[in-house]
Amino acid sequence: MLVIRLQRIGKKHQPSYRLVVAEKRSKLTAPPAEDLGSYNPKTKGTTINKERALYWLGQGAQASASVHNLLVKEGILSVPKIQFRFPVKPRAEEPVSAAPAVEAPVAEAIIPATTEEAQG
């Protein structure tokens, strides 16, 4: 199965991506079937070969979520964007104890006797 996805190129801390058509199970370093364009996240610059992207989508290639949103942003696709939903780790629920919580004993306050009480 073919997929249109982003392939990272560029130096450290200077990311740049190519939009490529490749086999879904191939590694990202494997040579792609075709290069469709580029995307620079720093400058938000995008160049996409519209005709070839539509051709590959027509042939059954699936676009990754990021590429799908880029195609919608560029006006190549006229469908809603895909919302990214990152999974939230479930919190470990605190164990419920059968016995009620015991409060710590409160120390009695020692109030010095006032002079009136001491005399009277």
Protein backbone atom coordinates (compact mmCIF):
# COMPACT_ATOMS: atom_id res chain seq x y z
CA MET A 1 0.00 0.00 0.00
CA LEU A 2 1.29 3.43 -0.92
CA VAL A 3 1.25 6.36 1.44
CA ILE A 4 2.04 10.05 1.01
CA ARG A 5 4.10 11.14 3.98
CA LEU A 6 6.76 13.56 5.16
CA GLN A 7 10.42 12.57 4.95
CA ARG A 8 12.72 14.64 7.15
CA ILE A 9 15.77 16.23 5.59
CA GLY A 10 18.01 19.02 6.80
CA LYS A 11 20.45 19.57 9.62
CA LYS A 12 19.98 19.40 13.37
CA HIS A 13 17.57 22.05 14.65
CA GLN A 14 16.82 23.06 11.03
CA PRO A 15 14.05 20.67 10.02
CA SER A 16 12.80 20.51 6.48
CA TYR A 17 10.58 17.86 4.96
CA ARG A 18 9.90 16.34 1.55
CA LEU A 19 6.44 15.09 0.60
CA VAL A 20 7.05 11.65 -0.85
CA VAL A 21 5.05 8.68 -2.09
CA ALA A 22 6.44 5.47 -0.60
CA GLU A 23 5.43 2.03 0.52
CA LYS A 24 3.76 2.12 3.91
CA ARG A 25 6.08 -0.50 5.43
CA SER A 26 9.29 0.89 3.96
CA LYS A 27 11.77 2.75 6.11
CA LEU A 28 11.94 6.52 5.80
CA THR A 29 15.50 6.30 4.47
CA ALA A 30 14.44 4.02 1.59
CA PRO A 31 14.13 5.70 -1.80
CA PRO A 32 10.56 6.89 -2.36
CA ALA A 33 8.44 6.16 -5.43
CA GLU A 34 8.08 9.89 -6.16
CA ASP A 35 8.89 13.27 -4.63
CA LEU A 36 5.81 15.54 -4.60
CA GLY A 37 7.17 18.69 -2.96
CA SER A 38 8.60 20.15 0.21
CA TYR A 39 7.56 21.73 3.50
CA ASN A 40 9.59 23.99 5.77
CA PRO A 41 8.00 24.28 9.25
CA LYS A 42 10.18 27.24 10.27
CA THR A 43 9.02 29.51 7.43
CA LYS A 44 5.72 27.65 6.80
CA GLY A 45 6.75 27.48 3.13
CA THR A 46 5.11 24.71 1.14
CA THR A 47 5.57 23.62 -2.47
CA ILE A 48 3.39 20.75 -3.68
CA ASN A 49 2.92 19.37 -7.20
CA LYS A 50 -0.88 19.45 -7.18
CA GLU A 51 -1.45 17.30 -10.27
CA ARG A 52 0.82 14.49 -9.08
CA ALA A 53 -0.62 14.57 -5.55
CA LEU A 54 -4.15 14.20 -6.93
CA TYR A 55 -2.95 11.45 -9.28
CA TRP A 56 -1.51 9.40 -6.41
CA LEU A 57 -4.59 9.96 -4.25
CA GLY A 58 -6.68 8.76 -7.20
CA GLN A 59 -4.51 5.63 -7.46
CA GLY A 60 -5.35 4.74 -3.85
CA ALA A 61 -2.42 6.21 -1.95
CA GLN A 62 -3.35 7.27 1.58
CA ALA A 63 -2.11 10.59 2.97
CA SER A 64 -0.75 10.70 6.51
CA ALA A 65 -2.58 13.01 8.92
CA SER A 66 0.06 15.74 8.65
CA VAL A 67 0.14 15.57 4.85
CA HIS A 68 -3.67 15.51 4.72
CA ASN A 69 -3.79 18.75 6.73
CA LEU A 70 -1.14 20.32 4.47
CA LEU A 71 -3.16 19.40 1.38
CA VAL A 72 -6.29 20.93 2.93
CA LYS A 73 -4.38 24.09 3.89
CA GLU A 74 -3.03 24.47 0.35
CA GLY A 75 -6.52 24.01 -1.13
CA ILE A 76 -5.75 20.75 -2.93
CA LEU A 77 -8.33 18.82 -0.89
CA SER A 78 -11.70 20.23 0.06
CA VAL A 79 -12.43 18.18 3.17
CA PRO A 80 -12.07 19.09 6.86
CA LYS A 81 -8.72 18.81 8.59
CA ILE A 82 -7.93 15.84 10.79
CA GLN A 83 -7.81 16.70 14.48
CA PHE A 84 -4.82 15.21 16.27
CA ARG A 85 -5.82 13.50 19.49
CA PHE A 86 -2.84 12.39 21.50
CA PRO A 87 -3.64 9.59 23.94
CA VAL A 88 -3.74 10.62 27.58
CA LYS A 89 -2.21 8.23 30.06
CA PRO A 90 -4.85 7.05 32.50
CA ARG A 91 -4.16 7.99 36.08
CA ALA A 92 -3.65 5.20 38.53
CA GLU A 93 -6.61 5.42 40.83
CA GLU A 94 -5.78 5.60 44.50
CA PRO A 95 -6.67 2.43 46.38
CA VAL A 96 -9.79 2.72 48.48
CA SER A 97 -9.22 1.54 52.03
CA ALA A 98 -12.01 -0.13 53.99
CA ALA A 99 -11.13 1.61 57.26
CA PRO A 100 -11.94 5.31 57.59
CA ALA A 101 -9.01 7.67 57.74
CA VAL A 102 -7.87 8.38 61.29
CA GLU A 103 -7.14 11.99 62.04
CA ALA A 104 -4.01 12.90 63.91
CA PRO A 105 -4.65 13.96 67.53
CA VAL A 106 -4.65 17.69 68.04
CA ALA A 107 -2.34 18.94 70.78
CA GLU A 108 -4.20 20.92 73.42
CA ALA A 109 -3.25 24.53 73.49
CA ILE A 110 -1.73 25.69 76.71
CA ILE A 111 -3.14 29.09 77.58
CA PRO A 112 -1.37 30.91 80.33
CA ALA A 113 -3.65 32.05 83.08
CA THR A 114 -4.31 35.74 83.13
CA THR A 115 -3.71 37.69 86.27
CA GLU A 116 -7.45 38.10 86.96
CA GLU A 117 -8.07 34.35 86.90
CA ALA A 118 -5.03 33.69 88.98
CA GLN A 119 -6.27 36.07 91.69
CA GLY A 120 -9.85 35.19 91.65
